[in-house]
């Protein structure tokens, strides 16, 4: 029986290792325990048993970036001005190359949770250079149109948020949209970090959010 199980797993692994978007390197980020595959579950998702090192995703200087205003002014110039009515640009970490805004409830974000977040992003072929990473407290303290000025294509929210964006939320791990912007809301990073079932829920939602073929 054990030999038959190995043969089934080997055939399954060989099949999925050839799939460009679902290779084994992108699936081992959410479950730390050993996983025993059975045929019914294997078709839905293949999860490896360890996290991968995320050091390559961290920028050397951990610098932050800021989106310039539409008139070309620099972040230093984008200060509140009662007379002109100018608004503040959103200051964020990352390069925002793929127009993904990630908002986290916990501020400051610990290195452990930041590492966990980067592993989540790597699982969907994103890294810090692809996103704008901000805290919920920062977003809540700025004018409501600040996020709109950034013009994200996707917004991923971890935890609670005091901002009109929250009106787009239906349930955690369900995708919603408003025009061309897609939203995905999830539990806070510390809660997901400690709960294996929530990691699975998040992974299933991320596959749909980023159009990853199963």
C-alpha atoms as a PDB file:
ATOM      1  CA  UNK A   1       0.000   0.000   0.000  1.00  0.00           C
ATOM      2  CA  UNK A   2       2.842   2.406   0.830  1.00  0.00           C
ATOM      3  CA  UNK A   3       4.503   1.784  -2.531  1.00  0.00           C
ATOM      4  CA  UNK A   4       1.231   2.455  -4.328  1.00  0.00           C
ATOM      5  CA  UNK A   5       0.841   5.719  -2.413  1.00  0.00           C
ATOM      6  CA  UNK A   6       4.353   6.765  -3.454  1.00  0.00           C
ATOM      7  CA  UNK A   7       3.594   6.007  -7.090  1.00  0.00           C
ATOM      8  CA  UNK A   8       0.371   8.079  -6.970  1.00  0.00           C
ATOM      9  CA  UNK A   9       2.155  10.996  -5.310  1.00  0.00           C
ATOM     10  CA  UNK A  10       5.052  10.823  -7.795  1.00  0.00           C
ATOM     11  CA  UNK A  11       2.697  10.914 -10.777  1.00  0.00           C
ATOM     12  CA  UNK A  12       0.798  13.816  -9.208  1.00  0.00           C
ATOM     13  CA  UNK A  13       4.003  15.715  -8.440  1.00  0.00           C
ATOM     14  CA  UNK A  14       5.394  15.176 -11.949  1.00  0.00           C
ATOM     15  CA  UNK A  15       2.159  16.483 -13.450  1.00  0.00           C
ATOM     16  CA  UNK A  16       2.037  19.659 -11.378  1.00  0.00           C
ATOM     17  CA  UNK A  17       5.750  20.368 -11.582  1.00  0.00           C
ATOM     18  CA  UNK A  18       5.223  21.013 -15.297  1.00  0.00           C
ATOM     19  CA  UNK A  19       2.577  23.671 -14.717  1.00  0.00           C
ATOM     20  CA  UNK A  20       4.158  27.089 -15.168  1.00  0.00           C
ATOM     21  CA  UNK A  21       2.055  29.009 -12.675  1.00  0.00           C
ATOM     22  CA  UNK A  22       1.662  26.401 -10.001  1.00  0.00           C
ATOM     23  CA  UNK A  23       5.173  24.990  -9.516  1.00  0.00           C
ATOM     24  CA  UNK A  24       6.149  23.611  -6.128  1.00  0.00           C
ATOM     25  CA  UNK A  25       8.150  26.732  -5.192  1.00  0.00           C
ATOM     26  CA  UNK A  26       4.936  28.796  -5.097  1.00  0.00           C
ATOM     27  CA  UNK A  27       2.849  26.516  -2.906  1.00  0.00           C
ATOM     28  CA  UNK A  28       4.873  25.921   0.248  1.00  0.00           C
ATOM     29  CA  UNK A  29       4.262  29.108   2.140  1.00  0.00           C
ATOM     30  CA  UNK A  30       1.248  28.560   4.342  1.00  0.00           C
ATOM     31  CA  UNK A  31       1.499  25.220   6.174  1.00  0.00           C
ATOM     32  CA  UNK A  32       4.340  24.261   8.500  1.00  0.00           C
ATOM     33  CA  UNK A  33       3.178  20.759   9.404  1.00  0.00           C
ATOM     34  CA  UNK A  34       3.703  17.699   7.219  1.00  0.00           C
ATOM     35  CA  UNK A  35       0.926  17.258   4.659  1.00  0.00           C
ATOM     36  CA  UNK A  36      -0.414  13.812   3.699  1.00  0.00           C
ATOM     37  CA  UNK A  37      -2.038  13.954   0.290  1.00  0.00           C
ATOM     38  CA  UNK A  38      -5.056  11.946  -0.711  1.00  0.00           C
ATOM     39  CA  UNK A  39      -6.333  11.963  -4.328  1.00  0.00           C
ATOM     40  CA  UNK A  40      -9.438  14.059  -3.625  1.00  0.00           C
ATOM     41  CA  UNK A  41      -7.517  16.848  -1.870  1.00  0.00           C
ATOM     42  CA  UNK A  42      -4.513  16.672  -4.155  1.00  0.00           C
ATOM     43  CA  UNK A  43      -6.432  17.934  -7.150  1.00  0.00           C
ATOM     44  CA  UNK A  44      -7.448  21.071  -5.302  1.00  0.00           C
ATOM     45  CA  UNK A  45      -4.107  22.164  -3.838  1.00  0.00           C
ATOM     46  CA  UNK A  46      -0.587  20.949  -3.212  1.00  0.00           C
ATOM     47  CA  UNK A  47       1.044  22.419  -0.126  1.00  0.00           C
ATOM     48  CA  UNK A  48       4.679  21.942   0.799  1.00  0.00           C
ATOM     49  CA  UNK A  49       5.723  21.518   4.427  1.00  0.00           C
ATOM     50  CA  UNK A  50       8.062  24.445   4.991  1.00  0.00           C
ATOM     51  CA  UNK A  51       8.314  28.153   4.393  1.00  0.00           C
ATOM     52  CA  UNK A  52      11.001  29.453   2.054  1.00  0.00           C
ATOM     53  CA  UNK A  53      13.648  32.019   2.868  1.00  0.00           C
ATOM     54  CA  UNK A  54      12.446  35.515   2.033  1.00  0.00           C
ATOM     55  CA  UNK A  55      15.693  37.481   2.427  1.00  0.00           C
ATOM     56  CA  UNK A  56      15.951  38.187  -1.313  1.00  0.00           C
ATOM     57  CA  UNK A  57      12.694  40.142  -1.169  1.00  0.00           C
ATOM     58  CA  UNK A  58      13.924  42.636   1.418  1.00  0.00           C
ATOM     59  CA  UNK A  59      15.347  45.884   0.047  1.00  0.00           C
ATOM     60  CA  UNK A  60      18.879  46.701   1.174  1.00  0.00           C
ATOM     61  CA  UNK A  61      18.047  50.080   2.637  1.00  0.00           C
ATOM     62  CA  UNK A  62      14.378  49.410   3.583  1.00  0.00           C
ATOM     63  CA  UNK A  63      13.591  52.786   2.096  1.00  0.00           C
ATOM     64  CA  UNK A  64      10.075  54.047   1.471  1.00  0.00           C
ATOM     65  CA  UNK A  65       8.616  55.503  -1.651  1.00  0.00           C
ATOM     66  CA  UNK A  66       5.895  58.045  -2.201  1.00  0.00           C
ATOM     67  CA  UNK A  67       3.581  58.514  -5.130  1.00  0.00           C
ATOM     68  CA  UNK A  68       3.961  61.929  -6.764  1.00  0.00           C
ATOM     69  CA  UNK A  69       0.963  64.076  -7.438  1.00  0.00           C
ATOM     70  CA  UNK A  70      -0.503  64.257 -10.910  1.00  0.00           C
ATOM     71  CA  UNK A  71       0.992  67.707 -11.455  1.00  0.00           C
ATOM     72  CA  UNK A  72       4.522  66.297 -11.113  1.00  0.00           C
ATOM     73  CA  UNK A  73       5.279  67.750  -7.677  1.00  0.00           C
ATOM     74  CA  UNK A  74       7.610  65.824  -5.397  1.00  0.00           C
ATOM     75  CA  UNK A  75       6.524  64.148  -2.121  1.00  0.00           C
ATOM     76  CA  UNK A  76       8.206  66.926  -0.161  1.00  0.00           C
ATOM     77  CA  UNK A  77       5.958  69.401  -1.917  1.00  0.00           C
ATOM     78  CA  UNK A  78       2.845  67.359  -1.334  1.00  0.00           C
ATOM     79  CA  UNK A  79       2.024  68.816   2.056  1.00  0.00           C
ATOM     80  CA  UNK A  80      -1.353  70.013   3.309  1.00  0.00           C
ATOM     81  CA  UNK A  81      -2.087  73.515   2.094  1.00  0.00           C
ATOM     82  CA  UNK A  82      -5.245  75.169   3.273  1.00  0.00           C
ATOM     83  CA  UNK A  83      -5.055  77.893   0.637  1.00  0.00           C
ATOM     84  CA  UNK A  84      -4.394  75.717  -2.417  1.00  0.00           C
ATOM     85  CA  UNK A  85      -6.370  72.677  -1.222  1.00  0.00           C
ATOM     86  CA  UNK A  86      -3.476  70.336  -2.118  1.00  0.00           C
ATOM     87  CA  UNK A  87      -3.677  66.826  -0.617  1.00  0.00           C
ATOM     88  CA  UNK A  88      -1.032  64.579   0.835  1.00  0.00           C
ATOM     89  CA  UNK A  89       0.453  61.759  -1.251  1.00  0.00           C
ATOM     90  CA  UNK A  90       0.452  58.315   0.337  1.00  0.00           C
ATOM     91  CA  UNK A  91       3.882  57.341   1.642  1.00  0.00           C
ATOM     92  CA  UNK A  92       4.535  53.626   1.362  1.00  0.00           C
ATOM     93  CA  UNK A  93       7.174  50.910   1.400  1.00  0.00           C
ATOM     94  CA  UNK A  94       7.892  49.176  -1.884  1.00  0.00           C
ATOM     95  CA  UNK A  95       8.062  50.249  -5.529  1.00  0.00           C
ATOM     96  CA  UNK A  96       4.424  49.618  -6.509  1.00  0.00           C
ATOM     97  CA  UNK A  97       5.429  48.161  -9.890  1.00  0.00           C
ATOM     98  CA  UNK A  98       2.335  45.930 -10.150  1.00  0.00           C
ATOM     99  CA  UNK A  99      -0.145  48.408  -8.632  1.00  0.00           C
ATOM    100  CA  UNK A 100      -0.973  46.245  -5.603  1.00  0.00           C
ATOM    101  CA  UNK A 101      -1.781  48.148  -2.404  1.00  0.00           C
ATOM    102  CA  UNK A 102      -1.345  46.100   0.778  1.00  0.00           C
ATOM    103  CA  UNK A 103      -2.789  47.531   3.986  1.00  0.00           C
ATOM    104  CA  UNK A 104      -1.983  45.912   7.327  1.00  0.00           C
ATOM    105  CA  UNK A 105      -3.635  46.567  10.662  1.00  0.00           C
ATOM    106  CA  UNK A 106      -0.561  46.133  12.825  1.00  0.00           C
ATOM    107  CA  UNK A 107       1.678  49.166  13.203  1.00  0.00           C
ATOM    108  CA  UNK A 108       4.557  48.905  13.419  1.00  0.00           C
ATOM    109  CA  UNK A 109       4.727  45.616  11.513  1.00  0.00           C
ATOM    110  CA  UNK A 110       7.150  43.269  13.268  1.00  0.00           C
ATOM    111  CA  UNK A 111       9.980  41.685  11.291  1.00  0.00           C
ATOM    112  CA  UNK A 112       8.436  38.249  11.850  1.00  0.00           C
ATOM    113  CA  UNK A 113       5.078  39.318  10.419  1.00  0.00           C
ATOM    114  CA  UNK A 114       6.721  41.243   7.615  1.00  0.00           C
ATOM    115  CA  UNK A 115       8.650  38.112   6.709  1.00  0.00           C
ATOM    116  CA  UNK A 116       5.415  36.126   6.744  1.00  0.00           C
ATOM    117  CA  UNK A 117       3.782  38.696   4.468  1.00  0.00           C
ATOM    118  CA  UNK A 118       6.666  38.529   2.010  1.00  0.00           C
ATOM    119  CA  UNK A 119       6.290  34.753   1.870  1.00  0.00           C
ATOM    120  CA  UNK A 120       2.615  35.176   1.070  1.00  0.00           C
ATOM    121  CA  UNK A 121       3.523  37.577  -1.730  1.00  0.00           C
ATOM    122  CA  UNK A 122       6.186  35.266  -3.104  1.00  0.00           C
ATOM    123  CA  UNK A 123       3.597  32.499  -3.347  1.00  0.00           C
ATOM    124  CA  UNK A 124       1.745  34.600  -5.939  1.00  0.00           C
ATOM    125  CA  UNK A 125       4.921  35.816  -7.688  1.00  0.00           C
ATOM    126  CA  UNK A 126       4.928  39.242  -6.029  1.00  0.00           C
ATOM    127  CA  UNK A 127       7.618  40.886  -3.936  1.00  0.00           C
ATOM    128  CA  UNK A 128       8.120  44.165  -2.116  1.00  0.00           C
ATOM    129  CA  UNK A 129       9.059  45.953  -5.335  1.00  0.00           C
ATOM    130  CA  UNK A 130       5.626  45.120  -6.778  1.00  0.00           C
ATOM    131  CA  UNK A 131       3.497  46.571  -3.987  1.00  0.00           C
ATOM    132  CA  UNK A 132       2.782  49.633  -1.881  1.00  0.00           C
ATOM    133  CA  UNK A 133       2.821  48.537   1.773  1.00  0.00           C
ATOM    134  CA  UNK A 134       1.111  50.836   4.294  1.00  0.00           C
ATOM    135  CA  UNK A 135      -0.428  50.601   7.741  1.00  0.00           C
ATOM    136  CA  UNK A 136      -4.146  50.957   8.347  1.00  0.00           C
ATOM    137  CA  UNK A 137      -3.494  53.784  10.812  1.00  0.00           C
ATOM    138  CA  UNK A 138      -1.677  55.791   8.127  1.00  0.00           C
ATOM    139  CA  UNK A 139      -4.428  55.282   5.573  1.00  0.00           C
ATOM    140  CA  UNK A 140      -7.059  56.286   8.132  1.00  0.00           C
ATOM    141  CA  UNK A 141      -5.239  59.507   9.017  1.00  0.00           C
ATOM    142  CA  UNK A 142      -5.114  60.825   5.442  1.00  0.00           C
ATOM    143  CA  UNK A 143      -7.853  62.300   3.238  1.00  0.00           C
ATOM    144  CA  UNK A 144     -10.181  59.699   1.807  1.00  0.00           C
ATOM    145  CA  UNK A 145      -9.083  60.426  -1.775  1.00  0.00           C
ATOM    146  CA  UNK A 146      -5.435  59.613  -1.043  1.00  0.00           C
ATOM    147  CA  UNK A 147      -5.823  55.950  -1.994  1.00  0.00           C
ATOM    148  CA  UNK A 148      -7.630  56.925  -5.179  1.00  0.00           C
ATOM    149  CA  UNK A 149      -4.725  59.196  -6.141  1.00  0.00           C
ATOM    150  CA  UNK A 150      -2.376  56.224  -5.866  1.00  0.00           C
ATOM    151  CA  UNK A 151      -4.561  54.422  -8.435  1.00  0.00           C
ATOM    152  CA  UNK A 152      -4.075  50.790  -7.308  1.00  0.00           C
ATOM    153  CA  UNK A 153      -5.453  47.965  -9.437  1.00  0.00           C
ATOM    154  CA  UNK A 154      -5.783  45.588  -6.489  1.00  0.00           C
ATOM    155  CA  UNK A 155      -6.100  46.237  -2.746  1.00  0.00           C
ATOM    156  CA  UNK A 156      -5.320  43.562  -0.144  1.00  0.00           C
ATOM    157  CA  UNK A 157      -6.350  44.407   3.427  1.00  0.00           C
ATOM    158  CA  UNK A 158      -5.238  42.479   6.516  1.00  0.00           C
ATOM    159  CA  UNK A 159      -7.286  43.221   9.627  1.00  0.00           C
ATOM    160  CA  UNK A 160      -9.589  46.133  10.466  1.00  0.00           C
ATOM    161  CA  UNK A 161      -9.543  49.482   8.703  1.00  0.00           C
ATOM    162  CA  UNK A 162     -11.223  52.804   9.472  1.00  0.00           C
ATOM    163  CA  UNK A 163     -11.637  54.024   5.905  1.00  0.00           C
ATOM    164  CA  UNK A 164     -14.405  54.043   3.258  1.00  0.00           C
ATOM    165  CA  UNK A 165     -12.571  51.153   1.570  1.00  0.00           C
ATOM    166  CA  UNK A 166     -14.088  48.893   4.210  1.00  0.00           C
ATOM    167  CA  UNK A 167     -17.489  49.417   2.578  1.00  0.00           C
ATOM    168  CA  UNK A 168     -16.274  47.140  -0.223  1.00  0.00           C
ATOM    169  CA  UNK A 169     -15.941  44.259   2.231  1.00  0.00           C
ATOM    170  CA  UNK A 170     -18.556  41.538   2.204  1.00  0.00           C
ATOM    171  CA  UNK A 171     -16.788  38.734   4.058  1.00  0.00           C
ATOM    172  CA  UNK A 172     -13.189  37.877   4.765  1.00  0.00           C
ATOM    173  CA  UNK A 173     -11.509  35.933   1.951  1.00  0.00           C
ATOM    174  CA  UNK A 174     -14.171  36.995  -0.567  1.00  0.00           C
ATOM    175  CA  UNK A 175     -13.177  39.109  -3.560  1.00  0.00           C
ATOM    176  CA  UNK A 176     -15.132  42.257  -4.346  1.00  0.00           C
ATOM    177  CA  UNK A 177     -14.696  44.956  -6.953  1.00  0.00           C
ATOM    178  CA  UNK A 178     -15.496  48.611  -7.531  1.00  0.00           C
ATOM    179  CA  UNK A 179     -14.996  49.563 -11.143  1.00  0.00           C
ATOM    180  CA  UNK A 180     -11.510  48.452 -12.164  1.00  0.00           C
ATOM    181  CA  UNK A 181     -10.271  47.969  -8.582  1.00  0.00           C
ATOM    182  CA  UNK A 182     -10.456  44.533  -6.926  1.00  0.00           C
ATOM    183  CA  UNK A 183     -10.441  44.051  -3.162  1.00  0.00           C
ATOM    184  CA  UNK A 184      -9.596  41.139  -0.908  1.00  0.00           C
ATOM    185  CA  UNK A 185     -10.063  41.384   2.843  1.00  0.00           C
ATOM    186  CA  UNK A 186      -8.541  38.947   5.337  1.00  0.00           C
ATOM    187  CA  UNK A 187      -7.915  38.559   9.051  1.00  0.00           C
ATOM    188  CA  UNK A 188      -4.974  40.386  10.556  1.00  0.00           C
ATOM    189  CA  UNK A 189      -1.533  38.935   9.884  1.00  0.00           C
ATOM    190  CA  UNK A 190      -0.941  37.758  13.508  1.00  0.00           C
ATOM    191  CA  UNK A 191      -4.235  35.834  13.458  1.00  0.00           C
ATOM    192  CA  UNK A 192      -3.477  34.174  10.115  1.00  0.00           C
ATOM    193  CA  UNK A 193       0.088  33.419  11.203  1.00  0.00           C
ATOM    194  CA  UNK A 194      -1.176  31.291  14.113  1.00  0.00           C
ATOM    195  CA  UNK A 195      -4.033  29.505  12.324  1.00  0.00           C
ATOM    196  CA  UNK A 196      -3.383  26.830   9.693  1.00  0.00           C
ATOM    197  CA  UNK A 197      -6.990  26.836   8.473  1.00  0.00           C
ATOM    198  CA  UNK A 198      -6.887  30.579   7.853  1.00  0.00           C
ATOM    199  CA  UNK A 199      -3.673  30.120   5.888  1.00  0.00           C
ATOM    200  CA  UNK A 200      -5.500  27.672   3.641  1.00  0.00           C
ATOM    201  CA  UNK A 201      -8.437  30.065   3.283  1.00  0.00           C
ATOM    202  CA  UNK A 202      -6.079  32.876   2.363  1.00  0.00           C
ATOM    203  CA  UNK A 203      -4.223  30.760  -0.181  1.00  0.00           C
ATOM    204  CA  UNK A 204      -7.451  29.665  -1.875  1.00  0.00           C
ATOM    205  CA  UNK A 205      -8.585  33.292  -2.109  1.00  0.00           C
ATOM    206  CA  UNK A 206      -5.225  34.496  -3.400  1.00  0.00           C
ATOM    207  CA  UNK A 207      -5.348  31.998  -6.251  1.00  0.00           C
ATOM    208  CA  UNK A 208      -8.575  33.576  -7.463  1.00  0.00           C
ATOM    209  CA  UNK A 209      -7.454  37.137  -6.675  1.00  0.00           C
ATOM    210  CA  UNK A 210      -4.317  36.767  -8.792  1.00  0.00           C
ATOM    211  CA  UNK A 211      -5.827  34.485 -11.437  1.00  0.00           C
ATOM    212  CA  UNK A 212      -3.597  31.518 -10.652  1.00  0.00           C
ATOM    213  CA  UNK A 213      -4.755  28.365 -12.425  1.00  0.00           C
ATOM    214  CA  UNK A 214      -5.274  25.346 -10.188  1.00  0.00           C
END
